[in-house]
Amino acid sequence: MDPVPLVENKLDDGQRLLDRLGEEGVIVRAACWVKPFEEDRWSLYIATPSVDEKGTLEAYRQVNPVLRSLGDDWITSSDVTLVGEKHPLVQDARDILRRFPHRGPIRSPRSLLWGISVEEVYVYPLGKVEVTIYGLVFRGDPVGALHLSFEPHNPHSKLTVGSRGERKEYPAQTGIDWVVAAPEGAKLERNTNGQRVLVWELHGNRMESSANEVWSLANLGLHGFRFLHEPA
């Protein structure tokens, strides 16, 4: 039997639903469209701690009004399956996103998800915190070093090289900026030296990363970091 395609409208409306749930304060730990082999329809699985804290019925009472407010019939309440945040879906979805970082819903090549056979899976990236990394180079500088910071650079700054009489000045070039998606809960703070760093959690441990470190993590697509916008 030919697989049932997931139309683009459902992918887009799934994202709209997740965005609206976030606006309404409903926490989502993972979300994905799943097409099991033994079924002829897609289901949008959403993992939320509301299921664990308030029960499945109350969780649906939170989600259904948000779903109806979208004013569209691409997704109905029968398409949505709510599970708790300890459901194996959460770990599987996070593993897929770590292996295949992407800005939008990513089609997973997996044939098994939490122990069931699946034809196709589309996982939504979640919990992104957008952080801007500001870049600066000094025009003409033979070293060509790229300076990164979580704070805007002074566009009028100059690099002075050499001694008196042989001094050279290189003007700053700014606007070389990146927007990075960081893990849920990440935030910018000042460290003990007064430098701005990104504070985030890795396996329960507090991490403090400089702009250079965050850029490298996004470049490698590690731990949920990824580029959302890069300079032209």
Protein backbone atom coordinates (compact mmCIF):
# COMPACT_ATOMS: atom_id res chain seq x y z
CA MET A 1 0.00 0.00 0.00
CA ASP A 2 1.33 3.44 -0.91
CA PRO A 3 2.18 5.72 2.06
CA VAL A 4 -0.26 8.48 2.91
CA PRO A 5 1.51 11.82 2.22
CA LEU A 6 1.60 14.52 4.86
CA VAL A 7 0.49 17.70 3.09
CA GLU A 8 2.47 20.88 3.62
CA ASN A 9 -0.57 22.59 5.10
CA LYS A 10 -0.56 20.17 8.01
CA LEU A 11 3.12 20.80 8.64
CA ASP A 12 2.54 24.56 8.67
CA ASP A 13 -0.58 24.34 10.82
CA GLY A 14 1.21 22.08 13.25
CA GLN A 15 3.81 24.81 13.71
CA ARG A 16 1.04 27.40 14.14
CA LEU A 17 -0.51 25.25 16.84
CA LEU A 18 2.80 24.87 18.67
CA ASP A 19 3.43 28.62 18.47
CA ARG A 20 -0.04 29.38 19.87
CA LEU A 21 0.39 26.83 22.67
CA GLY A 22 3.59 28.61 23.64
CA GLU A 23 1.77 31.95 23.70
CA GLU A 24 -0.88 30.41 25.98
CA GLY A 25 1.74 29.11 28.38
CA VAL A 26 1.39 25.43 27.47
CA ILE A 27 4.82 23.82 27.76
CA VAL A 28 5.76 21.46 24.94
CA ARG A 29 8.76 19.16 25.35
CA ALA A 30 8.56 17.48 21.94
CA ALA A 31 6.26 17.35 18.92
CA CYS A 32 6.20 15.31 15.74
CA TRP A 33 3.93 13.98 13.03
CA VAL A 34 4.00 10.18 12.99
CA LYS A 35 2.70 7.74 10.37
CA PRO A 36 2.81 4.19 11.84
CA PHE A 37 2.98 1.29 9.39
CA GLU A 38 -0.20 -0.30 10.69
CA GLU A 39 -2.29 2.88 10.38
CA ASP A 40 -3.52 4.81 7.34
CA ARG A 41 -3.40 8.26 8.93
CA TRP A 42 -0.97 10.70 10.47
CA SER A 43 -1.01 11.76 14.13
CA LEU A 44 0.54 14.86 15.67
CA TYR A 45 2.13 13.72 18.93
CA ILE A 46 2.71 16.48 21.48
CA ALA A 47 4.57 15.79 24.72
CA THR A 48 3.62 18.18 27.53
CA PRO A 49 4.08 18.10 31.31
CA SER A 50 0.39 19.07 31.58
CA VAL A 51 -0.44 15.39 31.02
CA ASP A 52 1.67 14.38 34.03
CA GLU A 53 0.57 17.26 36.26
CA LYS A 54 -3.15 17.56 35.44
CA GLY A 55 -4.06 14.35 33.65
CA THR A 56 -4.73 13.64 29.99
CA LEU A 57 -8.31 14.93 29.98
CA GLU A 58 -7.37 18.30 31.48
CA ALA A 59 -4.42 18.59 29.08
CA TYR A 60 -6.80 18.19 26.13
CA ARG A 61 -9.04 20.86 27.67
CA GLN A 62 -6.06 23.21 27.46
CA VAL A 63 -5.07 22.30 23.93
CA ASN A 64 -8.43 21.99 22.16
CA PRO A 65 -9.52 25.67 22.51
CA VAL A 66 -6.14 26.73 21.11
CA LEU A 67 -6.57 24.29 18.24
CA ARG A 68 -10.06 25.64 17.46
CA SER A 69 -8.78 29.22 17.56
CA LEU A 70 -6.63 28.55 14.49
CA GLY A 71 -9.79 28.70 12.40
CA ASP A 72 -8.63 26.01 10.03
CA ASP A 73 -9.67 22.43 9.41
CA TRP A 74 -6.32 20.98 8.37
CA ILE A 75 -5.76 19.76 11.93
CA THR A 76 -8.58 18.47 14.11
CA SER A 77 -8.59 17.27 17.69
CA SER A 78 -8.62 13.69 16.40
CA ASP A 79 -5.23 14.33 14.74
CA VAL A 80 -3.58 15.29 18.05
CA THR A 81 -2.26 12.79 20.58
CA LEU A 82 -1.02 14.19 23.89
CA VAL A 83 1.57 12.33 25.96
CA GLY A 84 3.55 13.14 29.10
CA GLU A 85 7.07 14.53 29.12
CA LYS A 86 8.48 11.17 30.27
CA HIS A 87 7.15 9.43 27.16
CA PRO A 88 9.97 7.87 25.04
CA LEU A 89 8.93 10.24 22.24
CA VAL A 90 10.74 13.09 24.00
CA GLN A 91 14.15 11.43 24.02
CA ASP A 92 13.73 10.06 20.48
CA ALA A 93 12.71 13.48 19.11
CA ARG A 94 15.64 15.21 20.82
CA ASP A 95 18.01 12.59 19.47
CA ILE A 96 16.73 13.14 15.93
CA LEU A 97 17.17 16.91 16.26
CA ARG A 98 20.72 16.51 17.58
CA ARG A 99 21.64 14.27 14.67
CA PHE A 100 19.79 16.24 11.99
CA PRO A 101 19.58 19.91 13.13
CA HIS A 102 17.14 21.89 11.01
CA ARG A 103 15.21 25.16 11.08
CA GLY A 104 11.84 23.59 10.27
CA PRO A 105 10.19 20.19 10.67
CA ILE A 106 12.76 17.54 9.81
CA ARG A 107 11.84 14.25 8.12
CA SER A 108 13.52 11.48 10.07
CA PRO A 109 14.98 8.41 8.34
CA ARG A 110 14.13 6.25 11.35
CA SER A 111 11.90 3.21 10.87
CA LEU A 112 11.39 2.74 14.61
CA LEU A 113 10.15 5.30 17.11
CA TRP A 114 9.79 4.39 20.80
CA GLY A 115 9.59 0.75 19.71
CA ILE A 116 6.90 1.00 17.03
CA SER A 117 7.41 0.66 13.26
CA VAL A 118 6.82 3.90 11.38
CA GLU A 119 6.69 4.83 7.71
CA GLU A 120 7.58 8.48 8.20
CA VAL A 121 8.23 10.96 11.00
CA TYR A 122 8.49 14.76 10.94
CA VAL A 123 9.97 16.31 14.10
CA TYR A 124 9.53 19.97 15.04
CA PRO A 125 12.47 21.89 16.53
CA LEU A 126 11.29 23.26 19.88
CA GLY A 127 12.32 25.50 22.69
CA LYS A 128 14.59 27.70 20.64
CA VAL A 129 15.96 30.85 22.23
CA GLU A 130 17.23 33.28 19.61
CA VAL A 131 20.60 34.83 20.33
CA THR A 132 22.48 37.31 18.14
CA ILE A 133 26.23 36.97 17.73
CA TYR A 134 27.80 40.22 16.50
CA GLY A 135 30.81 39.92 14.22
CA LEU A 136 33.57 42.42 13.46
CA VAL A 137 36.65 42.42 11.25
CA PHE A 138 39.19 45.16 10.64
CA ARG A 139 39.36 45.95 6.94
CA GLY A 140 42.84 45.41 5.50
CA ASP A 141 44.15 43.65 8.58
CA PRO A 142 46.49 40.93 7.23
CA VAL A 143 45.53 38.60 10.06
CA GLY A 144 41.88 38.85 9.08
CA ALA A 145 40.65 37.81 12.53
CA LEU A 146 36.91 37.63 13.15
CA HIS A 147 35.85 39.06 16.51
CA LEU A 148 32.60 37.73 17.98
CA SER A 149 30.55 39.12 20.83
CA PHE A 150 27.05 39.00 22.34
CA GLU A 151 27.12 42.82 22.35
CA PRO A 152 27.20 45.15 19.32
CA HIS A 153 30.65 46.32 18.32
CA ASN A 154 31.63 49.96 17.96
CA PRO A 155 31.51 50.62 14.19
CA HIS A 156 33.96 53.50 14.61
CA SER A 157 36.67 51.47 16.34
CA LYS A 158 40.07 50.97 14.71
CA LEU A 159 42.92 48.51 15.00
CA THR A 160 46.31 50.21 15.32
CA VAL A 161 49.39 48.17 14.48
CA GLY A 162 53.08 49.12 14.57
CA SER A 163 55.24 51.68 16.32
CA ARG A 164 55.31 55.42 15.89
CA GLY A 165 56.24 56.35 12.35
CA GLU A 166 55.22 52.98 10.96
CA ARG A 167 51.80 52.84 12.50
CA LYS A 168 48.90 51.47 10.47
CA GLU A 169 45.23 51.78 11.23
CA TYR A 170 42.54 49.39 10.08
CA PRO A 171 38.88 50.52 10.30
CA ALA A 172 36.19 48.28 11.73
CA GLN A 173 33.64 46.51 9.57
CA THR A 174 30.49 45.49 11.45
CA GLY A 175 27.14 44.02 10.42
CA ILE A 176 28.60 40.53 10.13
CA ASP A 177 26.04 39.00 12.45
CA TRP A 178 24.53 35.57 13.09
CA VAL A 179 21.23 34.65 14.74
CA VAL A 180 21.52 31.37 16.60
CA ALA A 181 18.84 29.10 18.05
CA ALA A 182 19.94 28.04 21.53
CA PRO A 183 18.41 25.35 23.80
CA GLU A 184 15.28 26.04 25.81
CA GLY A 185 15.97 28.09 28.94
CA ALA A 186 19.23 29.61 27.67
CA LYS A 187 19.81 33.24 28.61
CA LEU A 188 22.50 35.90 28.41
CA GLU A 189 24.18 36.92 31.67
CA ARG A 190 27.32 38.66 32.91
CA ASN A 191 30.02 36.39 34.27
CA THR A 192 32.32 37.25 37.19
CA ASN A 193 34.60 39.17 34.79
CA GLY A 194 31.72 41.30 33.51
CA GLN A 195 31.68 39.59 30.11
CA ARG A 196 28.38 38.64 28.52
CA VAL A 197 28.01 34.87 28.20
CA LEU A 198 25.22 32.48 27.33
CA VAL A 199 24.07 30.39 30.28
CA TRP A 200 22.44 27.07 29.35
CA GLU A 201 22.03 23.55 30.69
CA LEU A 202 23.74 20.38 29.45
CA HIS A 203 22.74 17.11 31.11
CA GLY A 204 21.77 18.98 34.27
CA ASN A 205 25.00 20.99 34.41
CA ARG A 206 25.16 24.79 34.14
CA MET A 207 27.23 25.92 31.16
CA GLU A 208 28.63 29.40 30.46
CA SER A 209 29.64 29.84 26.83
CA SER A 210 31.28 32.75 25.06
CA ALA A 211 30.10 34.00 21.67
CA ASN A 212 32.94 32.06 20.01
CA GLU A 213 31.89 28.83 21.74
CA VAL A 214 28.22 29.28 20.81
CA TRP A 215 29.18 30.00 17.20
CA SER A 216 31.19 26.76 17.10
CA LEU A 217 28.32 24.74 18.64
CA ALA A 218 25.88 26.14 16.06
CA ASN A 219 28.32 25.50 13.23
CA LEU A 220 28.55 21.85 14.30
CA GLY A 221 24.84 21.58 15.11
CA LEU A 222 25.53 20.29 18.62
CA HIS A 223 23.28 20.25 21.72
CA GLY A 224 20.37 22.00 20.00
CA PHE A 225 22.36 24.98 18.70
CA ARG A 226 21.85 25.91 15.04
CA PHE A 227 22.07 28.95 12.78
CA LEU A 228 18.79 30.70 11.97
CA HIS A 229 20.39 33.54 9.99
CA GLU A 230 23.89 33.99 8.63
CA PRO A 231 25.53 37.05 7.09
CA ALA A 232 25.38 37.23 3.32
